[in-house]
Amino acid sequence: MILENGTYVEDHDHVIMHQAMPLEEVKKVVHWCQERNLAFYLETNSGVYCNDQMIKDGPAVMIKYGQGKGADLSNATEKAKSFIDSFTLIHGDEFYREDVNKIDFIIRDDQDHLDAITAFPHLAHNTWGDKGDLALFSDLGPTGINKKTCH
């Protein structure tokens, strides 16, 4: 099983590799997202942890994502609710975790993603949830690891 863009690899319940983001990097990215009032979440092996802004902004963005994949409004709304319900809402120092595989945030416009690349050039940057050129999310994680090369 390969998870989190390849930062976690397990075979027959045995962890083969886990390269989490360094705690100091997690703190820097969390502060950066908070300063910009971005909706974000942390992907860890123990769960997915989000901020208040994700609870507020996430449903509409996930509905847009679902509809972009061909779902009708009802189905997209149901899947968006399920997605948001899978998160654990945390605050303050709870974001400072040593088991973070990557951090995702909602892109309000292309500049958010470009600013992340400038602020964190040493991290891997991806976008997802797009249809055409309209990415909905950006994610940041360790460099040199991805699902394609981790087999």
Protein backbone atom coordinates (compact mmCIF):
# COMPACT_ATOMS: atom_id res chain seq x y z
CA MET A 1 0.00 0.00 0.00
CA ILE A 2 1.43 3.38 -1.04
CA LEU A 3 -0.09 6.46 0.59
CA GLU A 4 0.45 10.20 0.81
CA ASN A 5 2.10 10.60 -2.60
CA GLY A 6 4.57 7.86 -1.70
CA THR A 7 5.79 9.14 1.68
CA TYR A 8 4.32 6.08 3.41
CA VAL A 9 4.72 2.53 2.10
CA GLU A 10 3.36 -0.59 3.77
CA ASP A 11 3.48 -4.24 2.69
CA HIS A 12 1.49 -6.95 4.51
CA ASP A 13 1.02 -4.68 7.57
CA HIS A 14 4.76 -3.95 7.72
CA VAL A 15 5.91 -0.33 7.30
CA ILE A 16 8.64 -0.29 4.66
CA MET A 17 9.11 3.47 4.54
CA HIS A 18 7.68 6.57 6.17
CA GLN A 19 9.19 9.96 5.41
CA ALA A 20 7.19 12.53 7.31
CA MET A 21 7.73 16.27 6.96
CA PRO A 22 10.16 17.64 9.56
CA LEU A 23 8.34 19.32 12.45
CA GLU A 24 9.94 22.71 11.75
CA GLU A 25 8.67 22.57 8.16
CA VAL A 26 5.19 21.67 9.37
CA LYS A 27 5.24 24.70 11.69
CA LYS A 28 6.38 27.03 8.89
CA VAL A 29 3.73 25.82 6.43
CA VAL A 30 0.98 25.96 9.08
CA HIS A 31 1.96 29.55 10.00
CA TRP A 32 2.08 30.51 6.33
CA CYS A 33 -1.43 29.11 5.73
CA GLN A 34 -2.79 30.75 8.89
CA GLU A 35 -1.31 34.15 7.97
CA ARG A 36 -3.17 33.97 4.65
CA ASN A 37 -6.39 32.66 6.19
CA LEU A 38 -6.21 29.60 3.94
CA ALA A 39 -8.33 26.51 4.46
CA PHE A 40 -5.90 23.64 5.01
CA TYR A 41 -5.50 20.14 6.34
CA LEU A 42 -2.69 17.85 7.44
CA GLU A 43 -2.51 14.31 6.06
CA THR A 44 -1.03 11.90 8.60
CA ASN A 45 -1.08 8.17 9.15
CA SER A 46 -3.37 8.65 12.15
CA GLY A 47 -5.93 10.76 10.32
CA VAL A 48 -6.65 14.00 8.52
CA TYR A 49 -6.63 17.17 10.62
CA CYS A 50 -8.06 20.49 9.47
CA ASN A 51 -8.49 24.09 10.54
CA ASP A 52 -11.76 26.02 10.98
CA GLN A 53 -11.42 27.59 7.55
CA MET A 54 -11.51 24.14 5.91
CA ILE A 55 -14.80 23.37 7.66
CA LYS A 56 -16.13 26.67 6.29
CA ASP A 57 -14.70 26.65 2.74
CA GLY A 58 -14.19 22.95 2.08
CA PRO A 59 -17.75 21.85 1.30
CA ALA A 60 -18.27 24.32 -1.56
CA VAL A 61 -14.87 23.51 -3.07
CA MET A 62 -15.49 19.77 -2.83
CA ILE A 63 -18.92 20.17 -4.46
CA LYS A 64 -17.17 21.98 -7.32
CA TYR A 65 -14.63 19.15 -7.47
CA GLY A 66 -17.37 16.49 -7.60
CA GLN A 67 -19.30 18.32 -10.30
CA GLY A 68 -16.09 18.69 -12.30
CA LYS A 69 -15.80 14.90 -12.18
CA GLY A 70 -19.35 14.55 -13.55
CA ALA A 71 -21.40 14.16 -10.35
CA ASP A 72 -24.79 15.83 -10.14
CA LEU A 73 -25.31 18.42 -7.37
CA SER A 74 -26.93 15.96 -4.97
CA ASN A 75 -24.17 13.36 -5.31
CA ALA A 76 -21.41 16.00 -5.19
CA THR A 77 -22.95 17.49 -2.02
CA GLU A 78 -23.13 14.07 -0.37
CA LYS A 79 -19.50 13.27 -1.22
CA ALA A 80 -18.35 16.73 -0.07
CA LYS A 81 -20.06 16.18 3.28
CA SER A 82 -18.40 12.78 3.62
CA PHE A 83 -15.00 14.29 2.78
CA ILE A 84 -15.32 17.07 5.36
CA ASP A 85 -16.78 14.70 7.98
CA SER A 86 -13.62 12.57 7.70
CA PHE A 87 -11.54 15.42 9.12
CA THR A 88 -10.69 16.05 12.76
CA LEU A 89 -10.87 19.76 13.60
CA ILE A 90 -7.84 20.92 15.61
CA HIS A 91 -6.49 24.25 16.86
CA GLY A 92 -3.27 25.96 17.95
CA ASP A 93 -0.32 23.77 18.81
CA GLU A 94 -2.24 20.64 17.79
CA PHE A 95 -1.10 21.38 14.22
CA TYR A 96 2.52 20.86 15.25
CA ARG A 97 2.75 17.15 14.60
CA GLU A 98 5.71 14.94 13.74
CA ASP A 99 3.66 12.51 11.64
CA VAL A 100 2.60 14.86 8.82
CA ASN A 101 3.04 13.38 5.35
CA LYS A 102 1.79 16.40 3.46
CA ILE A 103 -0.27 19.55 3.85
CA ASP A 104 -3.09 20.45 1.44
CA PHE A 105 -4.73 23.86 1.12
CA ILE A 106 -7.52 25.34 -0.96
CA ILE A 107 -6.27 27.56 -3.76
CA ARG A 108 -8.28 30.77 -3.97
CA ASP A 109 -6.39 31.77 -7.11
CA ASP A 110 -3.23 30.70 -8.91
CA GLN A 111 -1.18 33.15 -6.85
CA ASP A 112 -1.70 31.07 -3.69
CA HIS A 113 0.07 28.13 -5.32
CA LEU A 114 2.82 30.32 -6.80
CA ASP A 115 3.39 31.98 -3.42
CA ALA A 116 3.74 28.55 -1.79
CA ILE A 117 6.39 27.58 -4.34
CA THR A 118 8.28 30.79 -3.57
CA ALA A 119 7.95 30.41 0.21
CA PHE A 120 8.87 26.70 0.26
CA PRO A 121 11.11 25.97 -2.74
CA HIS A 122 12.60 22.92 -1.02
CA LEU A 123 9.23 21.12 -0.75
CA ALA A 124 7.38 19.20 -3.46
CA HIS A 125 4.36 21.10 -4.81
CA ASN A 126 1.36 19.57 -6.55
CA THR A 127 -2.11 20.73 -7.47
CA TRP A 128 -5.22 18.62 -7.71
CA GLY A 129 -8.96 18.80 -8.15
CA ASP A 130 -8.71 20.55 -11.45
CA LYS A 131 -10.71 20.42 -14.61
CA GLY A 132 -8.67 22.14 -17.26
CA ASP A 133 -6.49 24.83 -15.73
CA LEU A 134 -8.60 25.37 -12.60
CA ALA A 135 -6.76 23.65 -9.73
CA LEU A 136 -8.71 23.63 -6.47
CA PHE A 137 -6.03 22.40 -4.05
CA SER A 138 -2.29 22.64 -3.62
CA ASP A 139 -0.30 20.18 -1.53
CA LEU A 140 3.18 20.39 -0.08
CA GLY A 141 5.36 17.52 1.06
CA PRO A 142 8.86 16.05 1.06
CA THR A 143 10.73 16.18 -2.24
CA GLY A 144 12.06 13.24 -4.18
CA ILE A 145 9.16 10.94 -3.32
CA ASN A 146 6.07 10.20 -5.37
CA LYS A 147 3.72 7.33 -6.12
CA LYS A 148 5.25 6.70 -9.54
CA THR A 149 8.78 6.04 -8.27
CA CYS A 150 7.80 4.33 -5.02
CA HIS A 151 7.11 0.71 -6.04
